[in-house]
C-alpha atoms as a PDB file:
ATOM      1  CA  MET A   1     -16.800  15.716  53.350  1.00  0.00           C
ATOM      2  CA  LYS A   2     -17.707  14.831  49.636  1.00  0.00           C
ATOM      3  CA  LYS A   3     -14.589  17.187  48.291  1.00  0.00           C
ATOM      4  CA  ALA A   4     -12.133  15.281  50.782  1.00  0.00           C
ATOM      5  CA  LEU A   5     -13.721  11.849  49.664  1.00  0.00           C
ATOM      6  CA  CYS A   6     -13.203  12.807  45.917  1.00  0.00           C
ATOM      7  CA  VAL A   7      -9.363  13.918  46.544  1.00  0.00           C
ATOM      8  CA  ALA A   8      -8.752  10.717  48.652  1.00  0.00           C
ATOM      9  CA  LEU A   9     -10.244   8.632  45.712  1.00  0.00           C
ATOM     10  CA  ALA A  10      -7.983  10.390  43.192  1.00  0.00           C
ATOM     11  CA  MET A  11      -4.807   9.887  45.296  1.00  0.00           C
ATOM     12  CA  ALA A  12      -5.299   6.439  45.762  1.00  0.00           C
ATOM     13  CA  MET A  13      -5.997   6.073  41.799  1.00  0.00           C
ATOM     14  CA  LEU A  14      -2.623   7.668  41.260  1.00  0.00           C
ATOM     15  CA  LEU A  15      -0.976   5.397  43.688  1.00  0.00           C
ATOM     16  CA  LEU A  16      -2.485   2.486  42.137  1.00  0.00           C
ATOM     17  CA  SER A  17      -1.438   3.675  38.634  1.00  0.00           C
ATOM     18  CA  GLY A  18       1.969   4.198  39.648  1.00  0.00           C
ATOM     19  CA  CYS A  19       2.600   0.624  40.861  1.00  0.00           C
ATOM     20  CA  ARG A  20       0.854  -0.739  37.735  1.00  0.00           C
ATOM     21  CA  LYS A  21       3.534  -2.133  35.324  1.00  0.00           C
ATOM     22  CA  GLU A  22       3.592  -1.198  32.025  1.00  0.00           C
ATOM     23  CA  GLU A  23       3.250  -3.982  29.440  1.00  0.00           C
ATOM     24  CA  GLU A  24       6.808  -4.156  27.750  1.00  0.00           C
ATOM     25  CA  VAL A  25       6.984  -3.644  23.502  1.00  0.00           C
ATOM     26  CA  HIS A  26       9.812  -5.001  21.554  1.00  0.00           C
ATOM     27  CA  THR A  27      10.041  -2.981  18.245  1.00  0.00           C
ATOM     28  CA  VAL A  28      12.592  -4.460  15.784  1.00  0.00           C
ATOM     29  CA  VAL A  29      13.123  -2.683  12.111  1.00  0.00           C
ATOM     30  CA  THR A  30      14.882  -4.946   9.635  1.00  0.00           C
ATOM     31  CA  GLU A  31      15.789  -4.358   6.152  1.00  0.00           C
ATOM     32  CA  TYR A  32      13.788  -6.727   3.486  1.00  0.00           C
ATOM     33  CA  ASP A  33      15.139  -8.503   0.337  1.00  0.00           C
ATOM     34  CA  LEU A  34      14.428  -5.852  -2.443  1.00  0.00           C
ATOM     35  CA  GLU A  35      14.306  -8.489  -5.270  1.00  0.00           C
ATOM     36  CA  GLU A  36      11.308 -10.645  -3.206  1.00  0.00           C
ATOM     37  CA  ALA A  37       9.825  -7.015  -2.431  1.00  0.00           C
ATOM     38  CA  ARG A  38       9.590  -6.472  -5.837  1.00  0.00           C
ATOM     39  CA  THR A  39       8.007  -9.831  -6.756  1.00  0.00           C
ATOM     40  CA  MET A  40       5.159  -9.070  -4.255  1.00  0.00           C
ATOM     41  CA  ILE A  41       3.997  -5.928  -6.169  1.00  0.00           C
ATOM     42  CA  ASP A  42       5.266  -6.700  -9.585  1.00  0.00           C
ATOM     43  CA  GLU A  43       1.818  -8.012 -11.501  1.00  0.00           C
ATOM     44  CA  THR A  44       0.122  -4.488  -9.711  1.00  0.00           C
ATOM     45  CA  GLU A  45       2.802  -2.544 -11.246  1.00  0.00           C
ATOM     46  CA  TRP A  46       2.606  -4.458 -14.547  1.00  0.00           C
ATOM     47  CA  LEU A  47      -1.362  -4.078 -14.718  1.00  0.00           C
ATOM     48  CA  LEU A  48      -0.801  -0.173 -14.157  1.00  0.00           C
ATOM     49  CA  ALA A  49       1.748   0.348 -16.929  1.00  0.00           C
ATOM     50  CA  TRP A  50      -0.318  -1.707 -19.017  1.00  0.00           C
ATOM     51  CA  LEU A  51      -3.288   0.309 -18.622  1.00  0.00           C
ATOM     52  CA  SER A  52      -1.089   3.430 -19.857  1.00  0.00           C
ATOM     53  CA  THR A  53      -0.744   1.760 -23.143  1.00  0.00           C
ATOM     54  CA  ARG A  54      -4.498   1.550 -23.779  1.00  0.00           C
ATOM     55  CA  GLU A  55      -6.524   4.236 -25.446  1.00  0.00           C
ATOM     56  CA  THR A  56      -9.770   2.146 -24.370  1.00  0.00           C
ATOM     57  CA  ILE A  57     -10.495  -0.787 -22.472  1.00  0.00           C
ATOM     58  CA  ARG A  58     -13.353  -3.463 -22.433  1.00  0.00           C
ATOM     59  CA  ARG A  59     -15.397  -3.377 -19.213  1.00  0.00           C
ATOM     60  CA  ASP A  60     -14.894  -7.070 -19.084  1.00  0.00           C
ATOM     61  CA  THR A  61     -11.328  -6.635 -19.264  1.00  0.00           C
ATOM     62  CA  ALA A  62     -11.580  -3.807 -16.878  1.00  0.00           C
ATOM     63  CA  GLU A  63     -13.381  -5.818 -14.283  1.00  0.00           C
ATOM     64  CA  ASN A  64     -10.608  -8.368 -14.804  1.00  0.00           C
ATOM     65  CA  VAL A  65      -8.003  -5.814 -13.874  1.00  0.00           C
ATOM     66  CA  ILE A  66      -9.803  -4.677 -11.017  1.00  0.00           C
ATOM     67  CA  ARG A  67      -9.836  -7.976  -9.540  1.00  0.00           C
ATOM     68  CA  ARG A  68      -6.114  -8.629 -10.166  1.00  0.00           C
ATOM     69  CA  ILE A  69      -4.988  -5.709  -8.560  1.00  0.00           C
ATOM     70  CA  ASP A  70      -7.327  -6.391  -5.371  1.00  0.00           C
ATOM     71  CA  GLU A  71      -5.722  -9.848  -5.295  1.00  0.00           C
ATOM     72  CA  THR A  72      -2.274  -7.397  -3.892  1.00  0.00           C
ATOM     73  CA  MET A  73      -4.407  -4.273  -2.359  1.00  0.00           C
ATOM     74  CA  SER A  74      -7.983  -5.154  -1.782  1.00  0.00           C
ATOM     75  CA  GLY A  75     -10.441  -2.444  -2.765  1.00  0.00           C
ATOM     76  CA  GLU A  76      -7.829  -0.429  -4.734  1.00  0.00           C
ATOM     77  CA  GLY A  77      -8.570  -1.824  -8.096  1.00  0.00           C
ATOM     78  CA  ILE A  78     -11.150   0.311  -8.765  1.00  0.00           C
ATOM     79  CA  THR A  79      -9.390   3.562  -7.633  1.00  0.00           C
ATOM     80  CA  ALA A  80      -6.634   2.743  -9.738  1.00  0.00           C
ATOM     81  CA  LEU A  81      -8.599   1.952 -12.884  1.00  0.00           C
ATOM     82  CA  GLN A  82     -10.671   5.238 -12.445  1.00  0.00           C
ATOM     83  CA  CYS A  83      -7.721   7.497 -12.138  1.00  0.00           C
ATOM     84  CA  LEU A  84      -6.538   6.749 -15.448  1.00  0.00           C
ATOM     85  CA  MET A  85     -10.118   6.945 -17.323  1.00  0.00           C
ATOM     86  CA  ALA A  86     -11.040   9.783 -19.424  1.00  0.00           C
ATOM     87  CA  ASP A  87     -14.325  10.463 -17.560  1.00  0.00           C
ATOM     88  CA  THR A  88     -15.292   8.223 -14.316  1.00  0.00           C
ATOM     89  CA  ALA A  89     -18.774   8.703 -15.001  1.00  0.00           C
ATOM     90  CA  ASP A  90     -18.083   6.219 -17.991  1.00  0.00           C
ATOM     91  CA  TRP A  91     -17.851   3.523 -15.157  1.00  0.00           C
ATOM     92  CA  GLU A  92     -21.143   4.134 -14.198  1.00  0.00           C
ATOM     93  CA  ASP A  93     -22.900   3.942 -17.463  1.00  0.00           C
ATOM     94  CA  GLU A  94     -23.212   0.315 -17.762  1.00  0.00           C
ATOM     95  CA  SER A  95     -24.582   0.330 -21.576  1.00  0.00           C
ATOM     96  CA  LEU A  96     -20.738   1.304 -22.229  1.00  0.00           C
ATOM     97  CA  GLU A  97     -18.839  -2.066 -23.379  1.00  0.00           C
ATOM     98  CA  GLU A  98     -15.568   0.244 -24.421  1.00  0.00           C
ATOM     99  CA  LEU A  99     -14.488   2.688 -21.880  1.00  0.00           C
ATOM    100  CA  PRO A 100     -11.801   5.381 -23.041  1.00  0.00           C
ATOM    101  CA  LEU A 101      -8.517   5.864 -20.965  1.00  0.00           C
ATOM    102  CA  GLY A 102      -6.344   9.041 -20.671  1.00  0.00           C
ATOM    103  CA  ASN A 103      -6.553  11.763 -19.071  1.00  0.00           C
ATOM    104  CA  GLY A 104      -3.717  13.884 -19.238  1.00  0.00           C
ATOM    105  CA  THR A 105      -1.876  12.183 -16.048  1.00  0.00           C
ATOM    106  CA  VAL A 106       0.251   9.325 -15.633  1.00  0.00           C
ATOM    107  CA  ALA A 107       0.421   6.618 -12.761  1.00  0.00           C
ATOM    108  CA  PRO A 108       4.344   6.028 -12.420  1.00  0.00           C
ATOM    109  CA  THR A 109       5.463   2.553 -12.154  1.00  0.00           C
ATOM    110  CA  LEU A 110       8.544   0.433 -11.617  1.00  0.00           C
ATOM    111  CA  TYR A 111       8.266  -0.115 -15.545  1.00  0.00           C
ATOM    112  CA  HIS A 112       8.432   3.688 -16.183  1.00  0.00           C
ATOM    113  CA  GLU A 113      11.945   5.507 -16.801  1.00  0.00           C
ATOM    114  CA  GLY A 114      13.176   7.221 -13.522  1.00  0.00           C
ATOM    115  CA  VAL A 115      10.889   5.094 -11.274  1.00  0.00           C
ATOM    116  CA  GLU A 116      13.271   2.720  -8.755  1.00  0.00           C
ATOM    117  CA  LEU A 117      12.057   0.725  -5.735  1.00  0.00           C
ATOM    118  CA  VAL A 118      14.324   2.455  -3.124  1.00  0.00           C
ATOM    119  CA  SER A 119      13.462   0.724   0.146  1.00  0.00           C
ATOM    120  CA  ALA A 120      11.909  -2.094   1.708  1.00  0.00           C
ATOM    121  CA  ALA A 121      11.587  -2.264   5.623  1.00  0.00           C
ATOM    122  CA  GLU A 122       9.536  -4.637   7.824  1.00  0.00           C
ATOM    123  CA  GLU A 123       8.801  -3.140  11.459  1.00  0.00           C
ATOM    124  CA  SER A 124       7.475  -5.700  13.685  1.00  0.00           C
ATOM    125  CA  ARG A 125       6.155  -5.220  17.452  1.00  0.00           C
ATOM    126  CA  CYS A 126       5.712  -7.728  20.022  1.00  0.00           C
ATOM    127  CA  LYS A 127       3.903  -7.131  23.397  1.00  0.00           C
ATOM    128  CA  ILE A 128       5.621  -9.449  26.049  1.00  0.00           C
ATOM    129  CA  ASP A 129       4.188 -11.294  28.858  1.00  0.00           C
ATOM    130  CA  GLU A 130       5.658 -10.330  31.952  1.00  0.00           C
ATOM    131  CA  GLU A 131       5.287 -13.742  33.501  1.00  0.00           C
ATOM    132  CA  THR A 132       6.172 -16.034  30.629  1.00  0.00           C
ATOM    133  CA  GLY A 133       8.432 -13.644  28.387  1.00  0.00           C
ATOM    134  CA  GLU A 134       6.275 -14.947  25.507  1.00  0.00           C
ATOM    135  CA  CYS A 135       5.143 -12.598  22.888  1.00  0.00           C
ATOM    136  CA  THR A 136       1.159 -12.254  23.398  1.00  0.00           C
ATOM    137  CA  GLU A 137       0.653  -9.789  20.323  1.00  0.00           C
ATOM    138  CA  HIS A 138       2.321  -9.150  17.371  1.00  0.00           C
ATOM    139  CA  PHE A 139       1.864  -6.528  15.002  1.00  0.00           C
ATOM    140  CA  SER A 140       3.982  -6.373  11.564  1.00  0.00           C
ATOM    141  CA  VAL A 141       4.325  -3.697   8.593  1.00  0.00           C
ATOM    142  CA  LEU A 142       6.296  -4.216   5.498  1.00  0.00           C
ATOM    143  CA  THR A 143       6.596  -1.022   3.630  1.00  0.00           C
ATOM    144  CA  ILE A 144       7.819  -0.815  -0.110  1.00  0.00           C
ATOM    145  CA  ARG A 145       8.481   2.203  -1.001  1.00  0.00           C
ATOM    146  CA  LEU A 146       8.711   3.663  -4.932  1.00  0.00           C
ATOM    147  CA  ALA A 147      10.086   6.715  -5.914  1.00  0.00           C
ATOM    148  CA  TYR A 148      10.914   8.910  -8.640  1.00  0.00           C
ATOM    149  CA  THR A 149      14.531   9.752  -8.789  1.00  0.00           C
ATOM    150  CA  GLY A 150      14.760  11.270 -12.889  1.00  0.00           C
ATOM    151  CA  ASP A 151      15.371  14.513 -13.534  1.00  0.00           C
ATOM    152  CA  ASP A 152      11.687  15.586 -14.728  1.00  0.00           C
ATOM    153  CA  PRO A 153      10.750  18.367 -11.740  1.00  0.00           C
ATOM    154  CA  ALA A 154       7.089  17.486 -12.501  1.00  0.00           C
ATOM    155  CA  PHE A 155       7.675  14.035 -10.877  1.00  0.00           C
ATOM    156  CA  ARG A 156      10.706  14.886  -8.509  1.00  0.00           C
ATOM    157  CA  GLU A 157       8.452  14.488  -5.224  1.00  0.00           C
ATOM    158  CA  TRP A 158       6.676  11.410  -6.542  1.00  0.00           C
ATOM    159  CA  HIS A 159       6.135   8.536  -4.181  1.00  0.00           C
ATOM    160  CA  ARG A 160       4.028   5.264  -3.327  1.00  0.00           C
ATOM    161  CA  GLU A 161       4.126   2.575  -0.975  1.00  0.00           C
ATOM    162  CA  TYR A 162       2.929  -0.445  -0.186  1.00  0.00           C
ATOM    163  CA  ASN A 163       2.031  -1.600   3.369  1.00  0.00           C
ATOM    164  CA  PHE A 164       1.666  -5.242   3.914  1.00  0.00           C
ATOM    165  CA  HIS A 165       0.037  -6.090   7.654  1.00  0.00           C
ATOM    166  CA  ASN A 166       0.157  -8.946   9.787  1.00  0.00           C
ATOM    167  CA  GLN A 167      -1.375  -9.086  12.860  1.00  0.00           C
ATOM    168  CA  SER A 168      -0.720 -12.939  14.064  1.00  0.00           C
ATOM    169  CA  VAL A 169       1.598 -14.394  16.188  1.00  0.00           C
ATOM    170  CA  HIS A 170       1.175 -17.783  14.351  1.00  0.00           C
ATOM    171  CA  ASP A 171       0.490 -16.836  10.626  1.00  0.00           C
ATOM    172  CA  LEU A 172       3.284 -15.040   9.049  1.00  0.00           C
ATOM    173  CA  SER A 173       1.603 -14.452   6.068  1.00  0.00           C
ATOM    174  CA  TRP A 174       0.480 -10.775   5.047  1.00  0.00           C
ATOM    175  CA  SER A 175      -3.402 -10.415   6.084  1.00  0.00           C
ATOM    176  CA  ARG A 176      -3.815  -7.063   4.225  1.00  0.00           C
ATOM    177  CA  VAL A 177      -2.493  -4.470   2.062  1.00  0.00           C
ATOM    178  CA  THR A 178      -2.974  -0.394   2.242  1.00  0.00           C
ATOM    179  CA  PHE A 179      -1.594   1.934  -0.260  1.00  0.00           C
ATOM    180  CA  SER A 180      -0.288   5.533   0.658  1.00  0.00           C
ATOM    181  CA  GLY A 181       1.371   8.231  -1.973  1.00  0.00           C
ATOM    182  CA  THR A 182      -0.080   9.349  -5.256  1.00  0.00           C
ATOM    183  CA  TYR A 183      -1.390   7.115  -8.197  1.00  0.00           C
ATOM    184  CA  ASN A 184      -0.838   9.357 -10.753  1.00  0.00           C
ATOM    185  CA  LEU A 185       0.162  13.032 -12.022  1.00  0.00           C
ATOM    186  CA  GLU A 186      -0.429  15.393 -14.674  1.00  0.00           C
ATOM    187  CA  GLY A 187       2.314  15.090 -17.374  1.00  0.00           C
ATOM    188  CA  THR A 188       3.716  11.980 -19.604  1.00  0.00           C
ATOM    189  CA  LEU A 189       6.631   9.398 -18.495  1.00  0.00           C
ATOM    190  CA  PRO A 190       7.720   6.895 -20.995  1.00  0.00           C
ATOM    191  CA  LEU A 191       7.783   3.320 -20.149  1.00  0.00           C
ATOM    192  CA  ARG A 192      11.293   1.671 -20.119  1.00  0.00           C
ATOM    193  CA  PRO A 193      12.444   0.315 -23.280  1.00  0.00           C
ATOM    194  CA  ASP A 194      12.387  -3.315 -22.144  1.00  0.00           C
ATOM    195  CA  PHE A 195       8.586  -3.436 -20.964  1.00  0.00           C
ATOM    196  CA  ASP A 196       7.027  -6.331 -21.806  1.00  0.00           C
ATOM    197  CA  PRO A 197       3.215  -6.033 -22.820  1.00  0.00           C
ATOM    198  CA  GLU A 198       2.448  -9.868 -22.630  1.00  0.00           C
ATOM    199  CA  LYS A 199       4.978 -10.192 -19.305  1.00  0.00           C
ATOM    200  CA  TYR A 200       1.703 -11.537 -17.706  1.00  0.00           C
ATOM    201  CA  LEU A 201      -1.193 -13.050 -19.237  1.00  0.00           C
ATOM    202  CA  THR A 202      -2.971 -10.227 -21.070  1.00  0.00           C
ATOM    203  CA  PRO A 203      -5.989  -9.104 -19.010  1.00  0.00           C
END
């Protein structure tokens, strides 16, 4: 009897799940204006390029760089700085006011030769209410992708993506930014000849 009851319950659940309608989700992918996308990441890219021109950095200046990168990519500022430090342990030694930079790697940016902003696309998803037809849950990701398009084989596979997220139906601003790809690679990559070290206020 116990076995039969379990089978009957299982069949009833299958019948009920078969009758339940899945909520409809609309997904739209649109290209994003490349100039606007560049504006969104330009200061962070400039800061990374500016760091590559330095042999040392004062601790207070480093803290300012971290804060400014965090304004675009929350929590990534310290990672970006440490990837370019000669020794990450220096950051932990608070007695050091002058921190050495340079470890045989480079963090490619839009200000380096051969690096281009290759795409920007927004993917939006809306969960549609069956009765009203309105979007009840919204999720968007704007992905801005940089890639090396030059001839140096050491950087041929390099790319970095900024992923801007939004999860509000009513507020269309980007609530958070995540990062994917690689900050730095071994090797050297020259800055573009028109790099302006004073484009933004020096940190």
